[in-house]
Amino acid sequence: MRRRIFLASATATPVFLSVWPTRADDYPVRSVRLVVPFGPGGVADLTARAVGRILGQRLGQSLVVDNRPGAGGVAAGETVAKAAPDGYTLLLLSNATAVSRGLFKHLPFDARKDFAPISLLSRYDLAFIVPGLSSFESLQAWLLAARQRPGELNVGTVNVGSTQHLAAELFRLSAHVDLQVVPFNGTPAVLTALRSGQIDAAVESLPPIMAHIRAQSIRPLAVLGETRSPPLPQVPTVAQGAGIEGFNVSSWTALAAPVKTPRDILARLAREVRELMELAEVKKELADLNVQARASTPEQLATLLDSEITRWGEVIARAGIPRQ
């Protein structure tokens, strides 16, 4: 319960000082801020808002999304790392958080030391796509052409250091094929280049391109995850379509807090997230975004973050991507 201390000034004007408790049985007594390292309207932002709305209802307080876009999630990460560890400022973790460790020479935070993992929230797939009228009917056929014409075929992605860009580089390295990875400034530019024939293929997240797939202006040859994607059950994985065993890339979002946040508050948040991610309404709302609802334990999320930091750091080094 919120406790107030009344003080009387010389002019008899009442002043209220609020003492914010940090125990889970009192938490929260005011709105909670969720800092999102992306601009409004994208799939990560919409996921945060969908989950945040239900989480706020369960906590009995509003959960306010604070968009802090910027390369690698640096601005958002710094905001949360420096916030009071009281459960009232949370961070939307993502692939970008893991990638930033290997991509930037200097960061104002340490992704594993400054944040306390709470739970995974979602996963969504990436796809290897070609123009709708492409003559390539399979990923295997595309790779055969790339090997027959070394250095001639190219794959478009969004910005350098994005999950899509690094996934394309990992594909190039794993397939042992000589191709060019061409970054563009955003998904619309990638799709324009693909449809106009400037690039031969592209790697992109499914949520922003599903409408184009349904309209048949682009065609997926494979999804990049470990298993087939629920929105595209007929499309093989890279492992199935090209025989690249163990290839597994997907995007994800998760929830974290400043590292010194009280354990009972972290446990309360983790429990609430696990329960709400099982709700049919949450699963449907995320599925409508072509996103899969996923929860985890804090320990599982910590393991995922560690493995992603290691993997993408190695890809950045192997691909020769300059650190920023």
Protein backbone atom coordinates (compact mmCIF):
# COMPACT_ATOMS: atom_id res chain seq x y z
CA MET A 1 0.00 0.00 0.00
CA ARG A 2 1.23 3.49 -0.78
CA ARG A 3 2.23 5.39 2.36
CA ARG A 4 2.23 9.18 2.53
CA ILE A 5 4.02 11.40 5.02
CA PHE A 6 2.33 14.75 5.64
CA LEU A 7 4.56 17.76 6.23
CA ALA A 8 3.36 21.28 7.06
CA SER A 9 5.33 24.25 5.78
CA ALA A 10 5.50 27.70 7.28
CA THR A 11 2.64 28.76 5.02
CA ALA A 12 0.57 25.78 6.05
CA THR A 13 0.72 24.42 2.50
CA PRO A 14 0.58 20.63 2.67
CA VAL A 15 3.37 18.71 0.97
CA PHE A 16 3.17 14.99 0.32
CA LEU A 17 6.29 12.87 0.10
CA SER A 18 5.70 9.42 -1.35
CA VAL A 19 7.65 6.49 -0.08
CA TRP A 20 7.70 3.79 -2.75
CA PRO A 21 7.89 0.26 -1.34
CA THR A 22 10.04 -2.30 -3.09
CA ARG A 23 8.42 -5.49 -1.75
CA ALA A 24 6.54 -7.66 -4.23
CA ASP A 25 3.40 -7.72 -2.07
CA ASP A 26 3.14 -3.90 -2.38
CA TYR A 27 4.46 -3.66 -5.96
CA PRO A 28 3.42 -1.79 -8.03
CA VAL A 29 1.82 1.32 -6.61
CA ARG A 30 2.23 3.45 -9.75
CA SER A 31 2.69 3.02 -13.49
CA VAL A 32 5.59 0.95 -14.84
CA ARG A 33 7.71 2.15 -17.75
CA LEU A 34 8.76 -0.29 -20.48
CA VAL A 35 11.63 1.11 -22.53
CA VAL A 36 11.55 -0.17 -26.12
CA PRO A 37 14.65 0.21 -28.33
CA PHE A 38 12.57 0.63 -31.51
CA GLY A 39 10.23 3.25 -32.93
CA PRO A 40 6.43 2.98 -32.76
CA GLY A 41 4.60 0.67 -35.14
CA GLY A 42 7.21 -2.05 -35.68
CA VAL A 43 6.71 -5.65 -34.69
CA ALA A 44 8.80 -5.34 -31.49
CA ASP A 45 6.88 -2.22 -30.44
CA LEU A 46 3.51 -3.85 -31.16
CA THR A 47 4.57 -6.95 -29.23
CA ALA A 48 5.62 -4.80 -26.27
CA ARG A 49 2.29 -2.96 -26.32
CA ALA A 50 0.22 -6.13 -26.59
CA VAL A 51 2.03 -7.86 -23.73
CA GLY A 52 2.34 -4.64 -21.73
CA ARG A 53 -1.39 -3.97 -21.80
CA ILE A 54 -2.24 -7.36 -20.29
CA LEU A 55 0.69 -7.27 -17.86
CA GLY A 56 -0.46 -3.86 -16.63
CA GLN A 57 -3.96 -5.24 -16.04
CA ARG A 58 -2.55 -8.12 -14.04
CA LEU A 59 -0.35 -5.81 -11.98
CA GLY A 60 -3.17 -3.35 -11.39
CA GLN A 61 -1.23 -0.41 -12.84
CA SER A 62 -0.69 0.94 -16.33
CA LEU A 63 2.42 -0.11 -18.21
CA VAL A 64 3.66 2.78 -20.34
CA VAL A 65 5.78 2.12 -23.45
CA ASP A 66 8.70 4.52 -23.82
CA ASN A 67 10.16 4.28 -27.34
CA ARG A 68 13.92 4.96 -27.44
CA PRO A 69 15.04 3.92 -30.94
CA GLY A 70 18.69 3.89 -31.89
CA ALA A 71 21.35 1.64 -33.37
CA GLY A 72 21.88 -1.51 -31.35
CA GLY A 73 19.39 -0.44 -28.70
CA VAL A 74 22.11 1.64 -27.05
CA ALA A 75 19.89 4.54 -25.96
CA ALA A 76 17.26 2.24 -24.49
CA GLY A 77 19.82 0.04 -22.78
CA GLU A 78 21.61 2.99 -21.21
CA THR A 79 18.31 4.42 -19.95
CA VAL A 80 17.41 1.21 -18.15
CA ALA A 81 20.91 0.44 -16.90
CA LYS A 82 20.98 3.82 -15.16
CA ALA A 83 17.38 3.67 -13.87
CA ALA A 84 16.49 3.05 -10.23
CA PRO A 85 16.34 -0.74 -9.65
CA ASP A 86 12.85 -0.67 -8.17
CA GLY A 87 10.76 -2.52 -10.75
CA TYR A 88 9.32 0.64 -12.29
CA THR A 89 11.62 0.72 -15.33
CA LEU A 90 11.85 -2.37 -17.57
CA LEU A 91 13.64 -3.06 -20.84
CA LEU A 92 12.51 -4.85 -23.96
CA LEU A 93 15.50 -7.03 -24.79
CA SER A 94 15.95 -8.30 -28.34
CA ASN A 95 18.48 -9.70 -30.78
CA ALA A 96 19.85 -6.19 -31.08
CA THR A 97 20.90 -6.25 -27.42
CA ALA A 98 22.98 -9.37 -28.03
CA VAL A 99 24.40 -8.12 -31.33
CA SER A 100 25.49 -4.78 -29.85
CA ARG A 101 28.15 -6.50 -27.70
CA GLY A 102 30.16 -7.52 -30.79
CA LEU A 103 29.17 -4.63 -33.05
CA PHE A 104 30.21 -1.64 -30.93
CA LYS A 105 33.66 -0.88 -29.57
CA HIS A 106 32.25 0.90 -26.54
CA LEU A 107 28.85 0.58 -24.86
CA PRO A 108 27.46 2.46 -21.87
CA PHE A 109 26.20 -0.82 -20.41
CA ASP A 110 27.00 -4.53 -20.24
CA ALA A 111 24.09 -6.63 -21.47
CA ARG A 112 24.83 -9.46 -19.05
CA LYS A 113 25.99 -7.52 -16.00
CA ASP A 114 23.61 -4.55 -15.97
CA PHE A 115 20.27 -6.28 -16.64
CA ALA A 116 18.33 -8.92 -14.73
CA PRO A 117 16.56 -11.30 -17.16
CA ILE A 118 12.85 -11.83 -16.49
CA SER A 119 11.31 -13.82 -19.34
CA LEU A 120 11.28 -14.37 -23.07
CA LEU A 121 8.19 -12.80 -24.69
CA SER A 122 8.19 -13.80 -28.33
CA ARG A 123 9.93 -15.31 -31.31
CA TYR A 124 9.35 -14.58 -34.97
CA ASP A 125 10.85 -16.09 -38.05
CA LEU A 126 12.99 -14.78 -40.87
CA ALA A 127 12.74 -15.94 -44.48
CA PHE A 128 14.95 -16.19 -47.54
CA ILE A 129 12.82 -14.57 -50.27
CA VAL A 130 12.95 -14.02 -54.02
CA PRO A 131 10.73 -12.02 -56.42
CA GLY A 132 7.33 -13.54 -57.07
CA LEU A 133 8.22 -14.27 -60.69
CA SER A 134 11.69 -15.63 -59.95
CA SER A 135 12.73 -18.73 -61.88
CA PHE A 136 14.16 -20.25 -58.70
CA GLU A 137 11.76 -22.79 -57.25
CA SER A 138 13.88 -23.82 -54.26
CA LEU A 139 16.73 -22.65 -52.07
CA GLN A 140 18.81 -25.56 -53.34
CA ALA A 141 18.38 -24.30 -56.92
CA TRP A 142 19.31 -20.77 -55.88
CA LEU A 143 22.47 -21.98 -54.15
CA LEU A 144 23.43 -24.10 -57.17
CA ALA A 145 23.24 -20.99 -59.37
CA ALA A 146 25.28 -19.01 -56.84
CA ARG A 147 28.01 -21.66 -56.88
CA GLN A 148 28.02 -21.76 -60.67
CA ARG A 149 28.37 -17.97 -60.81
CA PRO A 150 30.68 -17.07 -57.90
CA GLY A 151 30.28 -13.51 -56.66
CA GLU A 152 27.46 -12.65 -59.08
CA LEU A 153 24.34 -13.28 -57.01
CA ASN A 154 23.45 -11.05 -54.06
CA VAL A 155 21.18 -11.01 -51.04
CA GLY A 156 19.60 -7.81 -49.71
CA THR A 157 18.93 -7.07 -46.05
CA VAL A 158 18.19 -4.11 -43.83
CA ASN A 159 20.95 -2.18 -42.06
CA VAL A 160 24.43 -3.44 -41.25
CA GLY A 161 24.40 -5.19 -37.89
CA SER A 162 20.69 -6.02 -37.98
CA THR A 163 19.58 -9.59 -37.32
CA GLN A 164 18.63 -9.89 -40.99
CA HIS A 165 22.05 -8.69 -42.14
CA LEU A 166 23.94 -11.00 -39.79
CA ALA A 167 21.64 -13.93 -40.66
CA ALA A 168 22.50 -13.42 -44.36
CA GLU A 169 26.20 -13.33 -43.49
CA LEU A 170 25.83 -16.50 -41.41
CA PHE A 171 24.01 -18.13 -44.35
CA ARG A 172 26.86 -17.16 -46.69
CA LEU A 173 29.45 -18.55 -44.31
CA SER A 174 27.50 -21.73 -43.52
CA ALA A 175 26.74 -22.49 -47.19
CA HIS A 176 30.36 -21.81 -48.19
CA VAL A 177 29.16 -19.79 -51.16
CA ASP A 178 30.56 -16.62 -52.75
CA LEU A 179 27.70 -14.11 -52.74
CA GLN A 180 27.29 -10.43 -51.90
CA VAL A 181 25.25 -9.27 -48.91
CA VAL A 182 23.81 -5.82 -49.71
CA PRO A 183 22.36 -3.73 -46.85
CA PHE A 184 19.53 -1.23 -47.41
CA ASN A 185 17.96 1.39 -45.18
CA GLY A 186 14.77 -0.39 -44.17
CA THR A 187 12.38 -3.09 -45.35
CA PRO A 188 10.58 -0.97 -48.01
CA ALA A 189 13.91 -0.31 -49.74
CA VAL A 190 14.77 -4.03 -49.66
CA LEU A 191 11.43 -5.00 -51.18
CA THR A 192 11.67 -2.32 -53.87
CA ALA A 193 15.13 -3.53 -54.85
CA LEU A 194 13.97 -7.14 -54.87
CA ARG A 195 10.92 -6.54 -57.04
CA SER A 196 12.86 -4.33 -59.46
CA GLY A 197 15.61 -6.91 -59.95
CA GLN A 198 18.39 -4.93 -58.26
CA ILE A 199 19.00 -7.86 -55.94
CA ASP A 200 18.49 -11.58 -56.48
CA ALA A 201 17.14 -12.49 -53.04
CA ALA A 202 16.67 -11.07 -49.57
CA VAL A 203 16.56 -12.09 -45.93
CA GLU A 204 13.81 -10.40 -43.95
CA SER A 205 11.65 -10.92 -40.88
CA LEU A 206 8.25 -12.42 -41.62
CA PRO A 207 5.95 -9.93 -39.86
CA PRO A 208 6.52 -6.97 -42.25
CA ILE A 209 6.48 -9.10 -45.43
CA MET A 210 3.61 -11.55 -44.91
CA ALA A 211 1.17 -9.33 -46.82
CA HIS A 212 3.57 -9.28 -49.78
CA ILE A 213 3.93 -13.06 -49.63
CA ARG A 214 0.16 -13.47 -49.66
CA ALA A 215 -0.06 -11.07 -52.62
CA GLN A 216 2.58 -13.23 -54.36
CA SER A 217 4.80 -10.26 -55.17
CA ILE A 218 7.58 -12.08 -53.31
CA ARG A 219 8.09 -15.78 -52.61
CA PRO A 220 9.79 -17.48 -49.65
CA LEU A 221 12.23 -20.26 -50.52
CA ALA A 222 13.00 -21.10 -46.90
CA VAL A 223 12.59 -19.96 -43.32
CA LEU A 224 15.70 -19.60 -41.20
CA GLY A 225 14.51 -21.16 -37.96
CA GLU A 226 15.00 -24.66 -36.60
CA THR A 227 11.45 -25.68 -37.49
CA ARG A 228 8.91 -24.61 -40.08
CA SER A 229 7.09 -21.39 -39.34
CA PRO A 230 3.41 -21.50 -38.29
CA PRO A 231 2.43 -18.76 -40.82
CA LEU A 232 4.20 -20.68 -43.63
CA PRO A 233 3.95 -24.40 -42.83
CA GLN A 234 4.55 -25.35 -46.47
CA VAL A 235 7.93 -23.57 -46.63
CA PRO A 236 11.02 -25.66 -45.68
CA THR A 237 13.72 -24.58 -43.29
CA VAL A 238 17.24 -23.78 -44.51
CA ALA A 239 18.35 -27.14 -43.12
CA GLN A 240 15.62 -28.92 -45.07
CA GLY A 241 15.90 -26.83 -48.23
CA ALA A 242 19.67 -26.58 -48.54
CA GLY A 243 21.04 -29.32 -46.30
CA ILE A 244 22.77 -26.86 -43.95
CA GLU A 245 22.41 -28.82 -40.74
CA GLY A 246 21.92 -26.90 -37.52
CA PHE A 247 21.13 -23.58 -39.21
CA ASN A 248 18.77 -21.78 -36.86
CA VAL A 249 18.10 -18.04 -36.74
CA SER A 250 15.00 -16.31 -35.44
CA SER A 251 14.26 -12.94 -33.91
CA TRP A 252 13.09 -12.63 -30.32
CA THR A 253 11.98 -10.18 -27.67
CA ALA A 254 12.24 -10.49 -23.91
CA LEU A 255 11.80 -8.58 -20.67
CA ALA A 256 14.55 -7.43 -18.31
CA ALA A 257 15.08 -4.97 -15.45
CA PRO A 258 18.05 -3.16 -13.89
CA VAL A 259 20.31 -5.75 -12.31
CA LYS A 260 19.79 -4.76 -8.66
CA THR A 261 15.99 -4.92 -8.83
CA PRO A 262 14.74 -6.84 -5.73
CA ARG A 263 14.47 -10.57 -6.34
CA ASP A 264 10.88 -10.83 -5.15
CA ILE A 265 9.79 -8.20 -7.68
CA LEU A 266 11.68 -10.00 -10.46
CA ALA A 267 10.01 -13.26 -9.43
CA ARG A 268 6.58 -11.62 -9.43
CA LEU A 269 7.14 -10.21 -12.93
CA ALA A 270 8.46 -13.53 -14.23
CA ARG A 271 5.43 -15.38 -12.84
CA GLU A 272 2.96 -12.87 -14.30
CA VAL A 273 4.61 -13.00 -17.73
CA ARG A 274 4.67 -16.82 -17.80
CA GLU A 275 0.98 -16.94 -16.95
CA LEU A 276 -0.17 -14.22 -19.34
CA MET A 277 1.76 -15.73 -22.27
CA GLU A 278 -0.46 -18.80 -21.93
CA LEU A 279 -3.64 -16.75 -22.36
CA ALA A 280 -5.49 -17.44 -25.61
CA GLU A 281 -6.07 -13.73 -26.22
CA VAL A 282 -2.35 -12.98 -25.99
CA LYS A 283 -1.40 -15.86 -28.26
CA LYS A 284 -3.97 -14.75 -30.83
CA GLU A 285 -2.99 -11.09 -30.73
CA LEU A 286 0.65 -11.98 -31.30
CA ALA A 287 -0.20 -14.60 -33.93
CA ASP A 288 -2.07 -11.87 -35.82
CA LEU A 289 1.29 -10.06 -35.93
CA ASN A 290 2.93 -13.31 -37.19
CA VAL A 291 4.68 -13.58 -33.84
CA GLN A 292 4.84 -16.65 -31.61
CA ALA A 293 4.15 -16.11 -27.90
CA ARG A 294 6.98 -17.60 -25.84
CA ALA A 295 7.83 -17.38 -22.15
CA SER A 296 10.87 -18.65 -20.29
CA THR A 297 12.46 -18.72 -16.89
CA PRO A 298 15.00 -15.99 -16.06
CA GLU A 299 17.72 -18.65 -16.22
CA GLN A 300 16.67 -19.76 -19.71
CA LEU A 301 16.68 -16.17 -20.90
CA ALA A 302 20.15 -15.61 -19.45
CA THR A 303 21.40 -18.69 -21.31
CA LEU A 304 19.82 -17.47 -24.56
CA LEU A 305 21.38 -14.02 -24.19
CA ASP A 306 24.81 -15.53 -23.51
CA SER A 307 24.61 -17.82 -26.52
CA GLU A 308 23.39 -15.04 -28.82
CA ILE A 309 26.16 -12.69 -27.69
CA THR A 310 28.73 -15.38 -28.44
CA ARG A 311 27.24 -16.44 -31.77
CA TRP A 312 26.78 -12.99 -33.28
CA GLY A 313 30.16 -11.84 -32.01
CA GLU A 314 31.72 -14.72 -33.93
CA VAL A 315 29.70 -13.96 -37.08
CA ILE A 316 30.70 -10.29 -36.95
CA ALA A 317 34.36 -11.30 -36.66
CA ARG A 318 34.23 -14.00 -39.36
CA ALA A 319 32.35 -11.75 -41.79
CA GLY A 320 34.85 -8.93 -41.27
CA ILE A 321 32.19 -6.41 -40.25
CA PRO A 322 33.95 -3.33 -38.81
CA ARG A 323 33.08 -2.55 -35.20
CA GLN A 324 31.35 0.81 -34.82
